[in-house]
């Protein structure tokens, strides 16, 4: 069985979507992907805060994204899917519904739905390659986890063809931005660096947790503009995402990095 939660109901089967829903036809929607362990969604409120912020930027109400409501929906869904033990990948999505294409107003039949699937253990390390096209830091979608995701799928396909795990993005100013589905951190001379949100990167939940944990542990951390020269000079590199946590990068393009580091491991274990 493949259960779905949608607008307050559990559905055993496919989701019915209007063929005029702009989320379906034009990618006008937002989503979150998060990890649940033994039935408990990790930092759910952080994910929902980001989702509500994205909705607000489109001029939509976030009233259907209440923490208690969504937490209860996830709990029930995980039980129905027999995913309440171990690791699960949970996806929360909000579509625009029907409406005029020249008006972002949320439609009467806007949908909130949740799906869940088993989440594999994170890899020990990953390989990256530089993307052939940049992130647009000036895009009105910058910083939103938007359903219009084709650009990332193109990048993931490029990664597959190159035999790496993800592509690494720079922005239109040639500043380091993010991975295809991750935020990126550099370690140089014992200090941790990550691109600022002005680079166009997603304000990742795990990114925020890592920055906070570094400060708690007394590890110097900075959000600074970074370039390819910094990437090439880094002692270590790691990426972060909600479902994988902290993952060491062993190679970017043709540059190899240290994969056994007390500092990166200290951060990973502390989270």
Protein backbone atom coordinates (compact mmCIF):
# COMPACT_ATOMS: atom_id res chain seq x y z
CA UNK A 1 0.00 0.00 0.00
CA UNK A 2 1.11 3.55 -0.72
CA UNK A 3 -0.62 5.93 1.64
CA UNK A 4 -0.81 9.69 1.13
CA UNK A 5 -2.11 12.38 3.47
CA UNK A 6 -3.88 15.22 1.65
CA UNK A 7 -5.89 18.13 3.04
CA UNK A 8 -6.74 16.28 6.25
CA UNK A 9 -7.43 12.84 4.80
CA UNK A 10 -5.40 9.64 4.46
CA UNK A 11 -5.66 8.20 0.96
CA UNK A 12 -4.71 4.64 0.03
CA UNK A 13 -3.78 5.12 -3.57
CA UNK A 14 -2.94 7.82 -6.10
CA UNK A 15 -3.52 11.49 -5.44
CA UNK A 16 -6.19 13.21 -7.56
CA UNK A 17 -4.99 16.59 -8.79
CA UNK A 18 -6.84 19.07 -10.98
CA UNK A 19 -5.25 19.27 -14.45
CA UNK A 20 -5.50 23.06 -14.01
CA UNK A 21 -3.63 23.17 -10.70
CA UNK A 22 -0.73 25.54 -11.37
CA UNK A 23 1.48 23.43 -9.10
CA UNK A 24 0.91 20.52 -11.50
CA UNK A 25 1.04 22.48 -14.77
CA UNK A 26 3.66 25.13 -14.00
CA UNK A 27 5.53 24.09 -10.85
CA UNK A 28 3.92 26.84 -8.78
CA UNK A 29 4.26 25.31 -5.35
CA UNK A 30 6.61 24.75 -2.45
CA UNK A 31 7.79 21.67 -0.61
CA UNK A 32 9.95 20.40 2.22
CA UNK A 33 11.86 17.15 2.58
CA UNK A 34 12.77 16.01 6.06
CA UNK A 35 14.00 13.02 8.01
CA UNK A 36 11.91 11.08 10.50
CA UNK A 37 13.59 8.62 12.85
CA UNK A 38 11.46 6.03 14.66
CA UNK A 39 8.34 7.98 13.79
CA UNK A 40 9.63 11.37 14.93
CA UNK A 41 10.18 14.09 12.30
CA UNK A 42 13.45 15.95 12.89
CA UNK A 43 13.25 19.74 13.44
CA UNK A 44 9.77 19.84 11.94
CA UNK A 45 9.12 23.39 13.09
CA UNK A 46 12.23 24.64 11.25
CA UNK A 47 10.99 23.05 8.04
CA UNK A 48 7.50 24.46 8.46
CA UNK A 49 8.84 27.94 9.24
CA UNK A 50 10.78 27.87 5.97
CA UNK A 51 7.73 26.54 4.12
CA UNK A 52 5.50 29.26 5.57
CA UNK A 53 8.09 31.88 4.60
CA UNK A 54 8.03 30.56 1.03
CA UNK A 55 4.22 30.67 1.02
CA UNK A 56 4.32 34.25 2.30
CA UNK A 57 6.62 35.29 -0.54
CA UNK A 58 3.97 34.02 -2.97
CA UNK A 59 1.29 35.84 -1.00
CA UNK A 60 -0.29 32.62 0.26
CA UNK A 61 -1.69 31.76 3.65
CA UNK A 62 0.30 29.32 5.76
CA UNK A 63 -2.69 28.38 7.88
CA UNK A 64 -2.75 24.82 6.51
CA UNK A 65 0.84 24.32 7.68
CA UNK A 66 0.24 24.38 11.43
CA UNK A 67 2.83 22.40 13.35
CA UNK A 68 0.40 20.26 15.37
CA UNK A 69 -1.71 19.43 12.31
CA UNK A 70 1.27 18.43 10.17
CA UNK A 71 2.98 16.52 13.01
CA UNK A 72 -0.17 14.45 13.57
CA UNK A 73 -0.51 13.84 9.83
CA UNK A 74 3.09 12.64 9.57
CA UNK A 75 2.72 10.36 12.58
CA UNK A 76 -0.39 8.71 11.16
CA UNK A 77 1.13 8.37 7.71
CA UNK A 78 4.32 6.75 9.00
CA UNK A 79 2.28 4.20 10.95
CA UNK A 80 0.13 3.36 7.93
CA UNK A 81 3.24 2.97 5.80
CA UNK A 82 4.98 0.85 8.46
CA UNK A 83 7.75 3.46 8.52
CA UNK A 84 7.48 4.37 12.20
CA UNK A 85 10.68 2.44 12.97
CA UNK A 86 14.02 3.37 11.46
CA UNK A 87 14.70 6.18 8.99
CA UNK A 88 12.01 7.66 6.75
CA UNK A 89 12.03 10.42 4.16
CA UNK A 90 8.98 12.68 4.50
CA UNK A 91 7.91 15.15 1.83
CA UNK A 92 5.39 17.94 2.51
CA UNK A 93 4.07 19.80 -0.53
CA UNK A 94 1.77 22.76 -1.13
CA UNK A 95 0.36 23.49 -4.58
CA UNK A 96 -1.06 26.79 -5.86
CA UNK A 97 -4.34 25.28 -7.05
CA UNK A 98 -6.28 26.66 -10.00
CA UNK A 99 -6.07 30.30 -10.93
CA UNK A 100 -5.12 32.94 -13.47
CA UNK A 101 -1.53 32.54 -14.63
CA UNK A 102 -1.01 36.29 -14.22
CA UNK A 103 -2.07 36.19 -10.56
CA UNK A 104 -0.17 34.24 -7.89
CA UNK A 105 -3.22 34.12 -5.63
CA UNK A 106 -3.73 30.73 -3.99
CA UNK A 107 -6.58 28.83 -5.64
CA UNK A 108 -9.68 27.39 -3.96
CA UNK A 109 -8.44 23.85 -4.59
CA UNK A 110 -4.86 24.31 -3.39
CA UNK A 111 -3.52 21.06 -1.96
CA UNK A 112 -1.28 20.21 0.96
CA UNK A 113 -0.09 16.64 0.77
CA UNK A 114 2.47 14.46 2.51
CA UNK A 115 4.24 11.33 1.31
CA UNK A 116 6.78 9.10 3.04
CA UNK A 117 9.29 6.49 1.96
CA UNK A 118 12.18 4.60 3.50
CA UNK A 119 15.36 6.67 3.80
CA UNK A 120 18.71 4.97 3.18
CA UNK A 121 21.65 5.47 5.49
CA UNK A 122 23.72 8.49 4.42
CA UNK A 123 26.89 7.81 2.42
CA UNK A 124 30.27 7.94 4.10
CA UNK A 125 31.50 10.46 1.51
CA UNK A 126 30.49 11.98 -1.82
CA UNK A 127 32.03 13.27 -5.03
CA UNK A 128 30.99 16.56 -6.65
CA UNK A 129 31.57 18.23 -10.00
CA UNK A 130 31.10 21.85 -10.98
CA UNK A 131 27.76 22.52 -12.69
CA UNK A 132 27.81 23.75 -16.27
CA UNK A 133 25.34 26.56 -15.48
CA UNK A 134 25.05 28.98 -12.54
CA UNK A 135 22.48 29.61 -9.86
CA UNK A 136 20.77 32.98 -10.27
CA UNK A 137 21.10 34.71 -6.92
CA UNK A 138 18.76 37.48 -8.15
CA UNK A 139 15.95 35.06 -9.03
CA UNK A 140 12.61 35.71 -7.26
CA UNK A 141 12.72 32.02 -6.36
CA UNK A 142 16.15 32.18 -4.69
CA UNK A 143 15.94 30.74 -1.19
CA UNK A 144 12.54 29.09 -1.78
CA UNK A 145 12.23 25.30 -1.94
CA UNK A 146 10.06 25.62 -5.02
CA UNK A 147 8.21 22.84 -6.83
CA UNK A 148 9.63 24.21 -10.08
CA UNK A 149 12.54 21.79 -9.74
CA UNK A 150 13.54 20.96 -13.32
CA UNK A 151 16.84 22.84 -13.07
CA UNK A 152 17.92 20.61 -10.18
CA UNK A 153 16.83 17.48 -12.04
CA UNK A 154 18.94 18.55 -15.02
CA UNK A 155 21.88 18.95 -12.63
CA UNK A 156 21.26 15.55 -11.02
CA UNK A 157 21.17 13.97 -14.47
CA UNK A 158 24.46 15.69 -15.28
CA UNK A 159 25.91 14.31 -12.04
CA UNK A 160 24.76 10.79 -12.95
CA UNK A 161 26.35 11.04 -16.38
CA UNK A 162 29.61 12.30 -14.88
CA UNK A 163 29.67 9.52 -12.29
CA UNK A 164 29.45 11.86 -9.27
CA UNK A 165 26.87 12.33 -6.55
CA UNK A 166 25.93 15.99 -6.99
CA UNK A 167 26.81 19.08 -8.94
CA UNK A 168 28.33 22.10 -7.21
CA UNK A 169 26.83 25.48 -8.12
CA UNK A 170 28.37 28.91 -8.34
CA UNK A 171 26.14 31.92 -8.91
CA UNK A 172 26.18 34.50 -11.70
CA UNK A 173 28.93 36.42 -9.84
CA UNK A 174 31.13 33.28 -9.78
CA UNK A 175 30.57 32.98 -6.01
CA UNK A 176 30.16 29.57 -4.41
CA UNK A 177 26.49 28.85 -3.82
CA UNK A 178 25.41 25.27 -2.97
CA UNK A 179 25.14 21.67 -4.08
CA UNK A 180 22.24 20.39 -6.14
CA UNK A 181 20.39 19.18 -3.04
CA UNK A 182 22.68 20.40 -0.28
CA UNK A 183 24.50 23.28 1.34
CA UNK A 184 28.27 23.31 1.24
CA UNK A 185 30.92 24.05 3.87
CA UNK A 186 34.68 24.53 3.54
CA UNK A 187 37.26 24.00 6.28
CA UNK A 188 40.39 26.12 6.01
CA UNK A 189 43.04 26.30 8.74
CA UNK A 190 40.64 25.02 11.37
CA UNK A 191 37.85 27.50 10.54
CA UNK A 192 34.52 26.58 8.92
CA UNK A 193 33.11 28.66 6.08
CA UNK A 194 29.81 28.54 4.18
CA UNK A 195 28.32 30.84 1.54
CA UNK A 196 25.96 33.56 2.80
CA UNK A 197 22.28 33.46 1.88
CA UNK A 198 22.95 36.37 -0.49
CA UNK A 199 24.73 33.84 -2.72
CA UNK A 200 21.30 32.48 -3.64
CA UNK A 201 21.65 29.26 -1.65
CA UNK A 202 18.73 27.64 0.12
CA UNK A 203 18.55 28.47 3.84
CA UNK A 204 18.96 24.80 4.74
CA UNK A 205 17.76 23.54 8.09
CA UNK A 206 20.88 21.43 8.54
CA UNK A 207 22.99 24.40 7.46
CA UNK A 208 21.48 26.45 10.30
CA UNK A 209 22.00 23.60 12.77
CA UNK A 210 25.66 23.20 11.78
CA UNK A 211 26.35 26.93 12.15
CA UNK A 212 24.71 26.94 15.59
CA UNK A 213 26.51 23.76 16.68
CA UNK A 214 29.91 25.13 15.60
CA UNK A 215 29.35 28.19 17.77
CA UNK A 216 28.25 26.01 20.66
CA UNK A 217 31.39 23.87 20.32
CA UNK A 218 33.68 26.90 20.08
CA UNK A 219 34.55 26.21 16.43
CA UNK A 220 35.03 29.36 14.37
CA UNK A 221 32.39 29.57 11.64
CA UNK A 222 31.68 32.30 9.12
CA UNK A 223 29.20 33.01 6.34
CA UNK A 224 31.42 34.60 3.71
CA UNK A 225 31.59 35.08 -0.02
CA UNK A 226 33.66 32.20 -1.40
CA UNK A 227 35.07 31.49 -4.85
CA UNK A 228 36.58 28.60 -6.77
CA UNK A 229 39.96 29.64 -5.37
CA UNK A 230 38.69 28.99 -1.83
CA UNK A 231 37.27 25.63 -2.87
CA UNK A 232 40.60 24.64 -4.37
CA UNK A 233 42.49 25.77 -1.25
CA UNK A 234 40.18 24.10 1.28
CA UNK A 235 41.59 21.46 3.61
CA UNK A 236 38.21 19.76 3.88
CA UNK A 237 34.77 20.10 2.35
CA UNK A 238 31.45 18.76 3.57
CA UNK A 239 27.85 19.07 2.47
CA UNK A 240 24.71 19.10 4.58
CA UNK A 241 21.08 18.18 4.00
CA UNK A 242 18.09 17.31 6.14
CA UNK A 243 18.06 13.61 5.28
CA UNK A 244 21.83 13.01 5.20
CA UNK A 245 23.15 15.31 7.92
CA UNK A 246 26.86 16.09 7.49
CA UNK A 247 28.63 14.20 4.69
CA UNK A 248 32.32 14.52 3.83
CA UNK A 249 33.26 15.43 0.25
CA UNK A 250 36.17 13.37 -0.99
CA UNK A 251 36.56 14.99 -4.42
CA UNK A 252 35.40 18.00 -6.44
CA UNK A 253 36.24 17.81 -10.13
CA UNK A 254 39.87 16.63 -10.01
CA UNK A 255 40.72 17.90 -6.51
CA UNK A 256 40.78 15.38 -3.65
CA UNK A 257 40.15 16.33 -0.02
CA UNK A 258 40.85 14.87 3.41
CA UNK A 259 38.07 12.47 4.43
CA UNK A 260 39.22 11.70 7.96
CA UNK A 261 38.98 14.87 10.02
CA UNK A 262 38.48 15.30 13.73
CA UNK A 263 36.80 18.67 13.15
CA UNK A 264 34.18 17.54 10.63
CA UNK A 265 33.53 14.37 12.58
CA UNK A 266 33.17 16.35 15.79
CA UNK A 267 30.45 18.46 14.17
CA UNK A 268 28.70 15.45 12.65
CA UNK A 269 28.57 13.48 15.88
CA UNK A 270 27.43 16.49 17.92
CA UNK A 271 24.31 17.06 15.80
